[in-house]
Structure formats: C-alpha cells, structure tokens
Amino acid sequence: MSAELIQAKDLTPRVIRFPRPGQLEPSVDIHIAPTLQLLTPTRVEVQVHSRKLFLVPTPQHLDGEDADSEYLPKPSPLSELPPLQETVNRYVLGIVEIWGGRRQPMQLARLSHRMVYSKITAMAGSHKEIPKIRKIYISEPIEGVAETTVTLRFNDRVRSLVLRFEGVDKRWLCTELGLL
C-alpha cells in the first residue's frame, strides 16, 4: 500500500495490524480493506529524552506467570550498590565450592536470579574436583550491569564461566550463568 487514500463507505473503526520488522506492508484483512482509510505518514516525530543507556532489570517471573508490580526489581544507582569486585569474587568462589560439594547452593540464593539458582542447584556436587580460579575479567557496558568472564582450570583443561550481574534492589544479582 502506498500513500494513496482509499475511499471508505463505512467509517467505523477497524483494527489494523502494523508491520513487523522485515515486512514491507501492513497486514490488513482483505475483507475489510475496501472500508479502511489508510494514510502513510509523511513525517514521523520522535522525541529523544536521553541518549544514555539504562538497565531494564531481568524479570523474576517466568512466561505465563502474573507479575506483581509491587515486587518487581528496581534498578539501583552505583552509589547504592556494594563493591562489585568483592561481590563477584565471593560469588565465583561460592559457585566453585558448590560444584565441589563443599557448600550448599542456598548460600547464593539471595544473589541469584531464580533461573540461575536452578542451574546452580542442578550442578551442585557434579564435579569430582574443585577447579582452580585463574582469572576474573569484569566489564561494565552500562551503569548497573557487569558482565564477567572467569577462566577456570580443571586438571589439564581450561574452561570459561560467564556471568552477568545486574544492580537491582541495592545489591548485585546474578541473572545469567554459563559454563563454556
């Protein structure tokens, strides 16, 4: 459909689905198309309030669950968060000790998203040996988000543990965990 105007006999409101990314034209029901007035806007005004990236916290609820707006996580400024390096070091040490069966997963529950906590409990006691922590790399792409890579040595093999921390509710919360 171009910018042409389609004359309508009936001017009652109709539902028009706007295009998804990759679609060239809006999808319109063919039975009601002759009764619609479609105008392509010639100018779109967009107001940009800020060009600064900000954190949208990972939701605690799963798909299909109702989220209680009173208990949604709220982003915290860096001034209200504990020291990042110390938190990451303790968290990584805790994960390694949980894998070796020397610590209970519940000790990291407060600092873990519920999906991450389920991964931790599934892997608890799964490693015969406790790996050696070689190096911890921390990157902060935006305020309140820390992406961490940890290199671990399992005997003769080196593996990476990737973590994502978000600063919410005045604490660092691990929202992603993966062993590569």
N, C-alpha and C. Protein backbone atom coordinates (compact mmCIF):
# COMPACT_ATOMS: atom_id res chain seq x y z
N MET A 1 0.85 -1.17 0.00
CA MET A 1 0.00 0.00 0.00
C MET A 1 0.90 1.24 0.00
N SER A 2 0.60 2.17 -0.83
CA SER A 2 1.39 3.39 -0.87
C SER A 2 0.67 4.49 -0.12
N ALA A 3 1.03 5.72 -0.39
CA ALA A 3 0.45 6.84 0.33
C ALA A 3 -0.89 7.26 -0.24
N GLU A 4 -1.49 6.44 -1.07
CA GLU A 4 -2.78 6.81 -1.65
C GLU A 4 -3.90 6.60 -0.64
N LEU A 5 -4.97 7.30 -0.82
CA LEU A 5 -6.12 7.27 0.07
C LEU A 5 -7.17 6.36 -0.53
N ILE A 6 -7.64 5.40 0.27
CA ILE A 6 -8.71 4.52 -0.19
C ILE A 6 -10.02 5.09 0.33
N GLN A 7 -10.97 5.32 -0.56
CA GLN A 7 -12.25 5.87 -0.17
C GLN A 7 -13.03 4.83 0.62
N ALA A 8 -13.69 5.27 1.67
CA ALA A 8 -14.41 4.35 2.53
C ALA A 8 -15.90 4.66 2.50
N LYS A 9 -16.71 3.60 2.49
CA LYS A 9 -18.15 3.76 2.57
C LYS A 9 -18.58 3.78 4.02
N ASP A 10 -17.95 2.97 4.82
CA ASP A 10 -18.29 2.85 6.23
C ASP A 10 -17.08 3.35 7.03
N LEU A 11 -17.25 4.35 7.87
CA LEU A 11 -16.13 4.93 8.60
C LEU A 11 -16.03 4.42 10.04
N THR A 12 -16.56 3.24 10.31
CA THR A 12 -16.44 2.68 11.66
C THR A 12 -15.00 2.25 11.89
N PRO A 13 -14.53 2.35 13.14
CA PRO A 13 -13.13 1.99 13.43
C PRO A 13 -12.86 0.52 13.13
N ARG A 14 -11.73 0.24 12.56
CA ARG A 14 -11.28 -1.12 12.25
C ARG A 14 -9.89 -1.33 12.83
N VAL A 15 -9.54 -2.58 13.05
CA VAL A 15 -8.23 -2.93 13.60
C VAL A 15 -7.26 -3.13 12.45
N ILE A 16 -6.13 -2.45 12.54
CA ILE A 16 -5.07 -2.60 11.55
C ILE A 16 -3.83 -3.08 12.29
N ARG A 17 -3.24 -4.15 11.83
CA ARG A 17 -2.00 -4.64 12.42
C ARG A 17 -0.85 -3.97 11.71
N PHE A 18 0.03 -3.34 12.47
CA PHE A 18 1.15 -2.64 11.88
C PHE A 18 2.25 -3.64 11.51
N PRO A 19 3.11 -3.28 10.59
CA PRO A 19 4.10 -4.23 10.10
C PRO A 19 5.11 -4.62 11.17
N ARG A 20 5.53 -5.86 11.08
CA ARG A 20 6.62 -6.34 11.92
C ARG A 20 7.92 -6.04 11.20
N PRO A 21 9.02 -6.07 11.91
CA PRO A 21 10.30 -5.86 11.21
C PRO A 21 10.47 -6.90 10.11
N GLY A 22 10.85 -6.46 8.94
CA GLY A 22 11.04 -7.35 7.81
C GLY A 22 9.85 -7.38 6.86
N GLN A 23 8.66 -6.95 7.32
CA GLN A 23 7.51 -6.90 6.44
C GLN A 23 7.52 -5.57 5.69
N LEU A 24 7.08 -5.62 4.44
CA LEU A 24 7.10 -4.41 3.64
C LEU A 24 5.85 -3.58 3.80
N GLU A 25 4.72 -4.24 4.00
CA GLU A 25 3.45 -3.54 4.08
C GLU A 25 2.69 -3.99 5.31
N PRO A 26 1.77 -3.15 5.80
CA PRO A 26 0.93 -3.59 6.91
C PRO A 26 0.04 -4.74 6.46
N SER A 27 -0.18 -5.70 7.35
CA SER A 27 -1.08 -6.80 7.02
C SER A 27 -2.50 -6.38 7.35
N VAL A 28 -3.38 -6.41 6.37
CA VAL A 28 -4.76 -5.96 6.50
C VAL A 28 -5.67 -7.09 6.06
N ASP A 29 -6.76 -7.31 6.79
CA ASP A 29 -7.74 -8.31 6.41
C ASP A 29 -8.34 -7.90 5.07
N ILE A 30 -8.31 -8.78 4.10
CA ILE A 30 -8.75 -8.46 2.74
C ILE A 30 -10.25 -8.16 2.67
N HIS A 31 -11.04 -8.70 3.61
CA HIS A 31 -12.49 -8.48 3.57
C HIS A 31 -12.88 -7.07 4.02
N ILE A 32 -12.07 -6.45 4.88
CA ILE A 32 -12.42 -5.11 5.34
C ILE A 32 -11.55 -4.03 4.69
N ALA A 33 -10.59 -4.43 3.87
CA ALA A 33 -9.68 -3.47 3.26
C ALA A 33 -10.39 -2.36 2.48
N PRO A 34 -11.45 -2.64 1.70
CA PRO A 34 -12.10 -1.55 0.98
C PRO A 34 -12.77 -0.52 1.89
N THR A 35 -13.03 -0.87 3.16
CA THR A 35 -13.71 0.06 4.04
C THR A 35 -12.74 0.86 4.90
N LEU A 36 -11.45 0.69 4.71
CA LEU A 36 -10.46 1.39 5.55
C LEU A 36 -9.91 2.62 4.87
N GLN A 37 -9.55 3.58 5.69
CA GLN A 37 -8.82 4.72 5.19
C GLN A 37 -7.39 4.58 5.70
N LEU A 38 -6.48 4.32 4.82
CA LEU A 38 -5.09 4.15 5.21
C LEU A 38 -4.28 5.32 4.68
N LEU A 39 -3.62 5.99 5.56
CA LEU A 39 -2.72 7.07 5.17
C LEU A 39 -1.33 6.73 5.66
N THR A 40 -0.37 6.88 4.80
CA THR A 40 1.01 6.68 5.21
C THR A 40 1.53 8.02 5.72
N PRO A 41 2.03 8.06 6.93
CA PRO A 41 2.51 9.34 7.44
C PRO A 41 3.70 9.83 6.63
N THR A 42 3.70 11.13 6.39
CA THR A 42 4.80 11.70 5.63
C THR A 42 5.95 12.13 6.53
N ARG A 43 5.65 12.39 7.79
CA ARG A 43 6.68 12.83 8.71
C ARG A 43 6.44 12.19 10.06
N VAL A 44 7.46 11.63 10.64
CA VAL A 44 7.35 11.00 11.94
C VAL A 44 8.18 11.81 12.92
N GLU A 45 7.56 12.20 14.01
CA GLU A 45 8.27 12.95 15.03
C GLU A 45 8.63 12.02 16.18
N VAL A 46 9.89 12.01 16.52
CA VAL A 46 10.36 11.18 17.62
C VAL A 46 11.04 12.10 18.61
N GLN A 47 10.62 11.97 19.86
CA GLN A 47 11.24 12.77 20.90
C GLN A 47 12.25 11.90 21.64
N VAL A 48 13.48 12.33 21.67
CA VAL A 48 14.53 11.60 22.37
C VAL A 48 14.81 12.37 23.65
N HIS A 49 14.52 11.73 24.79
CA HIS A 49 14.74 12.40 26.06
C HIS A 49 16.19 12.26 26.51
N SER A 50 16.78 11.09 26.28
CA SER A 50 18.13 10.86 26.73
C SER A 50 18.77 9.82 25.82
N ARG A 51 20.03 10.00 25.56
CA ARG A 51 20.76 9.03 24.75
C ARG A 51 21.53 8.05 25.62
N LYS A 52 21.39 8.16 26.92
CA LYS A 52 22.10 7.29 27.84
C LYS A 52 21.39 5.95 27.96
N LEU A 53 22.15 4.86 27.87
CA LEU A 53 21.58 3.54 28.06
C LEU A 53 21.29 3.34 29.54
N PHE A 54 20.26 2.56 29.83
CA PHE A 54 19.92 2.30 31.21
C PHE A 54 19.48 0.85 31.36
N LEU A 55 19.50 0.38 32.59
CA LEU A 55 19.19 -1.01 32.90
C LEU A 55 17.69 -1.23 32.99
N VAL A 56 17.22 -2.24 32.29
CA VAL A 56 15.86 -2.74 32.45
C VAL A 56 16.03 -4.10 33.12
N PRO A 57 15.71 -4.23 34.40
CA PRO A 57 16.02 -5.46 35.12
C PRO A 57 15.37 -6.70 34.52
N THR A 58 16.07 -7.81 34.64
CA THR A 58 15.53 -9.09 34.22
C THR A 58 14.36 -9.43 35.11
N PRO A 59 13.19 -9.73 34.54
CA PRO A 59 12.03 -10.03 35.39
C PRO A 59 12.22 -11.32 36.18
N GLN A 60 11.68 -11.35 37.39
CA GLN A 60 11.78 -12.54 38.24
C GLN A 60 10.75 -13.58 37.86
N HIS A 61 9.66 -13.18 37.22
CA HIS A 61 8.60 -14.14 36.89
C HIS A 61 8.91 -14.83 35.56
N LEU A 62 8.35 -15.99 35.39
CA LEU A 62 8.52 -16.75 34.16
C LEU A 62 7.39 -16.42 33.20
N ASP A 63 7.55 -16.80 31.93
CA ASP A 63 6.49 -16.57 30.95
C ASP A 63 5.22 -17.28 31.40
N GLY A 64 4.11 -16.60 31.32
CA GLY A 64 2.83 -17.17 31.71
C GLY A 64 2.45 -16.88 33.15
N GLU A 65 3.40 -16.44 33.95
CA GLU A 65 3.11 -16.09 35.34
C GLU A 65 2.72 -14.62 35.41
N ASP A 66 1.85 -14.30 36.35
CA ASP A 66 1.48 -12.90 36.56
C ASP A 66 2.54 -12.23 37.43
N ALA A 67 2.98 -11.06 37.00
CA ALA A 67 3.98 -10.32 37.75
C ALA A 67 3.28 -9.34 38.69
N ASP A 68 3.67 -9.34 39.92
CA ASP A 68 3.14 -8.39 40.89
C ASP A 68 4.00 -7.14 40.82
N SER A 69 3.42 -6.04 40.36
CA SER A 69 4.19 -4.81 40.12
C SER A 69 4.82 -4.26 41.39
N GLU A 70 4.29 -4.62 42.55
CA GLU A 70 4.85 -4.13 43.80
C GLU A 70 6.21 -4.75 44.09
N TYR A 71 6.44 -5.96 43.60
CA TYR A 71 7.66 -6.69 43.92
C TYR A 71 8.63 -6.81 42.74
N LEU A 72 8.44 -6.04 41.68
CA LEU A 72 9.36 -6.08 40.56
C LEU A 72 10.71 -5.50 40.98
N PRO A 73 11.81 -6.03 40.43
CA PRO A 73 13.13 -5.48 40.79
C PRO A 73 13.27 -4.05 40.28
N LYS A 74 13.92 -3.23 41.10
CA LYS A 74 14.13 -1.83 40.75
C LYS A 74 15.63 -1.56 40.61
N PRO A 75 16.04 -0.95 39.48
CA PRO A 75 17.47 -0.66 39.29
C PRO A 75 18.00 0.25 40.39
N SER A 76 19.24 0.02 40.78
CA SER A 76 19.88 0.83 41.81
C SER A 76 21.06 1.57 41.20
N PRO A 77 21.30 2.81 41.62
CA PRO A 77 22.49 3.51 41.14
C PRO A 77 23.74 2.89 41.76
N LEU A 78 24.88 3.11 41.11
CA LEU A 78 26.14 2.53 41.59
C LEU A 78 26.47 2.94 43.02
N SER A 79 26.06 4.13 43.42
CA SER A 79 26.36 4.61 44.77
C SER A 79 25.67 3.78 45.85
N GLU A 80 24.57 3.09 45.51
CA GLU A 80 23.83 2.29 46.48
C GLU A 80 24.20 0.81 46.44
N LEU A 81 25.08 0.41 45.52
CA LEU A 81 25.45 -0.98 45.37
C LEU A 81 26.74 -1.30 46.13
N PRO A 82 26.89 -2.55 46.61
CA PRO A 82 28.14 -2.93 47.27
C PRO A 82 29.28 -2.98 46.25
N PRO A 83 30.53 -3.06 46.72
CA PRO A 83 31.67 -3.12 45.79
C PRO A 83 31.54 -4.32 44.84
N LEU A 84 31.67 -4.07 43.55
CA LEU A 84 31.47 -5.09 42.53
C LEU A 84 32.53 -6.18 42.59
N GLN A 85 33.78 -5.80 42.64
CA GLN A 85 34.88 -6.78 42.61
C GLN A 85 34.76 -7.78 43.76
N GLU A 86 34.47 -7.29 44.93
CA GLU A 86 34.33 -8.15 46.10
C GLU A 86 33.14 -9.10 45.94
N THR A 87 32.02 -8.59 45.46
CA THR A 87 30.83 -9.41 45.27
C THR A 87 31.07 -10.51 44.24
N VAL A 88 31.69 -10.16 43.12
CA VAL A 88 31.97 -11.14 42.07
C VAL A 88 32.93 -12.21 42.58
N ASN A 89 33.98 -11.81 43.28
CA ASN A 89 34.95 -12.77 43.81
C ASN A 89 34.28 -13.77 44.75
N ARG A 90 33.46 -13.27 45.66
CA ARG A 90 32.77 -14.17 46.61
C ARG A 90 31.79 -15.08 45.88
N TYR A 91 31.09 -14.55 44.89
CA TYR A 91 30.10 -15.33 44.15
C TYR A 91 30.79 -16.46 43.38
N VAL A 92 31.87 -16.14 42.68
CA VAL A 92 32.59 -17.15 41.90
C VAL A 92 33.16 -18.23 42.82
N LEU A 93 33.74 -17.84 43.93
CA LEU A 93 34.26 -18.81 44.89
C LEU A 93 33.12 -19.69 45.42
N GLY A 94 31.98 -19.11 45.67
CA GLY A 94 30.82 -19.87 46.12
C GLY A 94 30.37 -20.89 45.09
N ILE A 95 30.33 -20.51 43.82
CA ILE A 95 29.93 -21.43 42.74
C ILE A 95 30.90 -22.61 42.67
N VAL A 96 32.17 -22.31 42.71
CA VAL A 96 33.19 -23.36 42.62
C VAL A 96 33.06 -24.33 43.80
N GLU A 97 32.83 -23.81 44.99
CA GLU A 97 32.68 -24.67 46.17
C GLU A 97 31.38 -25.47 46.12
N ILE A 98 30.32 -24.91 45.55
CA ILE A 98 29.06 -25.65 45.39
C ILE A 98 29.26 -26.81 44.42
N TRP A 99 29.97 -26.56 43.32
CA TRP A 99 30.24 -27.62 42.36
C TRP A 99 31.01 -28.77 43.00
N GLY A 100 31.93 -28.44 43.90
CA GLY A 100 32.73 -29.47 44.57
C GLY A 100 32.02 -30.11 45.74
N GLY A 101 30.83 -29.65 46.09
CA GLY A 101 30.07 -30.23 47.19
C GLY A 101 30.48 -29.73 48.56
N ARG A 102 31.22 -28.66 48.63
CA ARG A 102 31.70 -28.13 49.91
C ARG A 102 30.81 -27.01 50.47
N ARG A 103 29.83 -26.59 49.73
CA ARG A 103 28.94 -25.51 50.15
C ARG A 103 27.53 -25.80 49.65
N GLN A 104 26.54 -25.33 50.36
CA GLN A 104 25.15 -25.51 49.97
C GLN A 104 24.73 -24.41 48.99
N PRO A 105 23.95 -24.75 47.95
CA PRO A 105 23.51 -23.74 46.98
C PRO A 105 22.69 -22.62 47.61
N MET A 106 22.01 -22.90 48.70
CA MET A 106 21.16 -21.89 49.34
C MET A 106 21.95 -20.65 49.75
N GLN A 107 23.27 -20.79 49.92
CA GLN A 107 24.08 -19.65 50.33
C GLN A 107 24.18 -18.58 49.24
N LEU A 108 23.90 -18.95 48.01
CA LEU A 108 23.94 -17.97 46.90
C LEU A 108 22.54 -17.59 46.42
N ALA A 109 21.51 -18.05 47.09
CA ALA A 109 20.15 -17.80 46.63
C ALA A 109 19.81 -16.31 46.59
N ARG A 110 20.24 -15.55 47.57
CA ARG A 110 19.89 -14.12 47.64
C ARG A 110 20.54 -13.33 46.50
N LEU A 111 21.69 -13.79 46.03
CA LEU A 111 22.42 -13.07 44.98
C LEU A 111 22.14 -13.64 43.59
N SER A 112 21.20 -14.59 43.47
CA SER A 112 20.95 -15.26 42.19
C SER A 112 19.51 -15.07 41.74
N HIS A 113 19.34 -14.87 40.45
CA HIS A 113 18.02 -14.90 39.83
C HIS A 113 17.52 -16.33 39.96
N ARG A 114 16.24 -16.55 39.98
CA ARG A 114 15.72 -17.90 40.21
C ARG A 114 16.10 -18.88 39.12
N MET A 115 16.28 -18.43 37.88
CA MET A 115 16.72 -19.33 36.81
C MET A 115 18.19 -19.72 37.01
N VAL A 116 19.00 -18.77 37.45
CA VAL A 116 20.41 -19.06 37.73
C VAL A 116 20.51 -19.99 38.92
N TYR A 117 19.69 -19.75 39.93
CA TYR A 117 19.72 -20.61 41.12
C TYR A 117 19.36 -22.05 40.76
N SER A 118 18.41 -22.24 39.84
CA SER A 118 18.06 -23.61 39.44
C SER A 118 19.23 -24.27 38.70
N LYS A 119 20.01 -23.50 37.92
CA LYS A 119 21.21 -24.05 37.27
C LYS A 119 22.25 -24.45 38.30
N ILE A 120 22.42 -23.60 39.32
CA ILE A 120 23.41 -23.88 40.36
C ILE A 120 23.04 -25.16 41.11
N THR A 121 21.78 -25.30 41.50
CA THR A 121 21.37 -26.48 42.24
C THR A 121 21.47 -27.75 41.39
N ALA A 122 21.23 -27.62 40.08
CA ALA A 122 21.36 -28.78 39.20
C ALA A 122 22.81 -29.24 39.08
N MET A 123 23.75 -28.31 39.19
CA MET A 123 25.17 -28.63 39.04
C MET A 123 25.86 -28.88 40.38
N ALA A 124 25.14 -28.76 41.49
CA ALA A 124 25.75 -28.92 42.81
C ALA A 124 26.34 -30.31 42.97
N GLY A 125 27.61 -30.37 43.38
CA GLY A 125 28.29 -31.64 43.61
C GLY A 125 28.57 -32.43 42.35
N SER A 126 28.46 -31.80 41.17
CA SER A 126 28.62 -32.52 39.91
C SER A 126 30.07 -32.72 39.50
N HIS A 127 30.99 -31.94 40.04
CA HIS A 127 32.39 -32.04 39.67
C HIS A 127 33.16 -32.82 40.73
N LYS A 128 34.01 -33.72 40.28
CA LYS A 128 34.78 -34.53 41.21
C LYS A 128 35.86 -33.70 41.89
N GLU A 129 36.37 -32.75 41.17
CA GLU A 129 37.41 -31.89 41.74
C GLU A 129 36.95 -30.43 41.68
N ILE A 130 37.50 -29.66 42.56
CA ILE A 130 37.20 -28.22 42.55
C ILE A 130 38.18 -27.55 41.60
N PRO A 131 37.67 -26.81 40.61
CA PRO A 131 38.59 -26.16 39.67
C PRO A 131 39.35 -25.01 40.34
N LYS A 132 40.46 -24.68 39.75
CA LYS A 132 41.26 -23.53 40.21
C LYS A 132 40.80 -22.29 39.45
N ILE A 133 40.59 -21.21 40.18
CA ILE A 133 40.21 -19.94 39.55
C ILE A 133 41.48 -19.28 39.05
N ARG A 134 41.56 -19.07 37.74
CA ARG A 134 42.76 -18.47 37.16
C ARG A 134 42.66 -16.95 37.12
N LYS A 135 41.62 -16.45 36.47
CA LYS A 135 41.50 -15.01 36.27
C LYS A 135 40.02 -14.64 36.19
N ILE A 136 39.68 -13.46 36.73
CA ILE A 136 38.31 -12.93 36.66
C ILE A 136 38.36 -11.61 35.89
N TYR A 137 37.61 -11.55 34.80
CA TYR A 137 37.51 -10.35 33.98
C TYR A 137 36.13 -9.75 34.17
N ILE A 138 36.08 -8.45 34.47
CA ILE A 138 34.80 -7.78 34.68
C ILE A 138 34.70 -6.62 33.70
N SER A 139 33.56 -6.54 33.02
CA SER A 139 33.28 -5.43 32.11
C SER A 139 31.95 -4.82 32.49
N GLU A 140 31.88 -3.50 32.49
CA GLU A 140 30.63 -2.80 32.80
C GLU A 140 30.19 -2.02 31.56
N PRO A 141 29.36 -2.65 30.70
CA PRO A 141 28.95 -1.96 29.47
C PRO A 141 28.07 -0.74 29.73
N ILE A 142 27.20 -0.82 30.75
CA ILE A 142 26.39 0.32 31.15
C ILE A 142 26.32 0.33 32.67
N GLU A 143 25.88 1.44 33.22
CA GLU A 143 25.79 1.57 34.66
C GLU A 143 24.79 0.55 35.22
N GLY A 144 25.23 -0.21 36.20
CA GLY A 144 24.37 -1.17 36.85
C GLY A 144 24.38 -2.55 36.23
N VAL A 145 25.25 -2.78 35.25
CA VAL A 145 25.37 -4.10 34.62
C VAL A 145 26.85 -4.47 34.57
N ALA A 146 27.17 -5.69 35.01
CA ALA A 146 28.54 -6.19 34.97
C ALA A 146 28.55 -7.54 34.27
N GLU A 147 29.33 -7.64 33.22
CA GLU A 147 29.49 -8.91 32.52
C GLU A 147 30.85 -9.46 32.89
N THR A 148 30.87 -10.69 33.36
CA THR A 148 32.06 -11.28 33.94
C THR A 148 32.42 -12.56 33.23
N THR A 149 33.71 -12.73 32.97
CA THR A 149 34.24 -13.98 32.44
C THR A 149 35.29 -14.48 33.41
N VAL A 150 35.18 -15.74 33.78
CA VAL A 150 36.11 -16.34 34.73
C VAL A 150 36.77 -17.53 34.03
N THR A 151 38.10 -17.57 34.03
CA THR A 151 38.78 -18.74 33.48
C THR A 151 39.09 -19.69 34.63
N LEU A 152 38.71 -20.95 34.42
CA LEU A 152 38.87 -21.99 35.43
C LEU A 152 39.73 -23.11 34.88
N ARG A 153 40.57 -23.69 35.73
CA ARG A 153 41.40 -24.82 35.31
C ARG A 153 40.87 -26.09 35.97
N PHE A 154 40.41 -27.03 35.12
CA PHE A 154 40.02 -28.36 35.55
C PHE A 154 41.13 -29.31 35.10
N ASN A 155 42.00 -29.77 36.00
CA ASN A 155 43.16 -30.61 35.65
C ASN A 155 43.95 -29.95 34.54
N ASP A 156 43.95 -30.57 33.34
CA ASP A 156 44.70 -30.03 32.20
C ASP A 156 43.83 -29.20 31.27
N ARG A 157 42.58 -29.00 31.61
CA ARG A 157 41.65 -28.31 30.74
C ARG A 157 41.29 -26.94 31.32
N VAL A 158 41.20 -25.94 30.45
CA VAL A 158 40.79 -24.59 30.87
C VAL A 158 39.40 -24.33 30.29
N ARG A 159 38.47 -23.90 31.15
CA ARG A 159 37.11 -23.59 30.72
C ARG A 159 36.75 -22.18 31.19
N SER A 160 35.71 -21.63 30.59
CA SER A 160 35.27 -20.29 30.96
C SER A 160 33.89 -20.36 31.60
N LEU A 161 33.72 -19.55 32.61
CA LEU A 161 32.43 -19.37 33.27
C LEU A 161 32.02 -17.93 32.97
N VAL A 162 30.84 -17.75 32.39
CA VAL A 162 30.36 -16.40 32.08
C VAL A 162 29.19 -16.07 32.98
N LEU A 163 29.21 -14.86 33.51
CA LEU A 163 28.19 -14.40 34.46
C LEU A 163 27.75 -13.00 34.07
N ARG A 164 26.52 -12.68 34.39
CA ARG A 164 26.01 -11.31 34.21
C ARG A 164 25.38 -10.90 35.53
N PHE A 165 25.80 -9.75 36.02
CA PHE A 165 25.25 -9.21 37.25
C PHE A 165 24.51 -7.92 36.93
N GLU A 166 23.36 -7.74 37.58
CA GLU A 166 22.59 -6.51 37.45
C GLU A 166 22.42 -5.90 38.82
N GLY A 167 22.58 -4.60 38.91
CA GLY A 167 22.42 -3.89 40.17
C GLY A 167 20.97 -3.53 40.41
N VAL A 168 20.28 -4.36 41.18
CA VAL A 168 18.87 -4.13 41.48
C VAL A 168 18.65 -4.26 42.98
N ASP A 169 17.69 -3.51 43.47
CA ASP A 169 17.29 -3.57 44.89
C ASP A 169 18.48 -3.46 45.84
N LYS A 170 19.41 -2.57 45.51
CA LYS A 170 20.59 -2.26 46.32
C LYS A 170 21.52 -3.45 46.52
N ARG A 171 21.56 -4.36 45.53
CA ARG A 171 22.50 -5.49 45.58
C ARG A 171 22.80 -5.92 44.15
N TRP A 172 23.89 -6.67 43.97
CA TRP A 172 24.23 -7.24 42.69
C TRP A 172 23.53 -8.59 42.59
N LEU A 173 22.78 -8.80 41.50
CA LEU A 173 22.03 -10.02 41.29
C LEU A 173 22.56 -10.72 40.05
N CYS A 174 22.96 -11.98 40.17
CA CYS A 174 23.45 -12.75 39.02
C CYS A 174 22.23 -13.20 38.20
N THR A 175 22.14 -12.72 36.97
CA THR A 175 20.98 -13.03 36.13
C THR A 175 21.31 -13.99 34.99
N GLU A 176 22.57 -14.29 34.76
CA GLU A 176 22.97 -15.23 33.72
C GLU A 176 24.20 -15.97 34.19
N LEU A 177 24.25 -17.28 33.87
CA LEU A 177 25.39 -18.10 34.24
C LEU A 177 25.55 -19.18 33.18
N GLY A 178 26.76 -19.38 32.72
CA GLY A 178 27.01 -20.44 31.74
C GLY A 178 28.44 -20.89 31.83
N LEU A 179 28.64 -22.21 31.75
CA LEU A 179 29.98 -22.78 31.76
C LEU A 179 30.28 -23.21 30.33
N LEU A 180 31.30 -22.63 29.75
CA LEU A 180 31.67 -22.94 28.35
C LEU A 180 32.80 -23.95 28.30
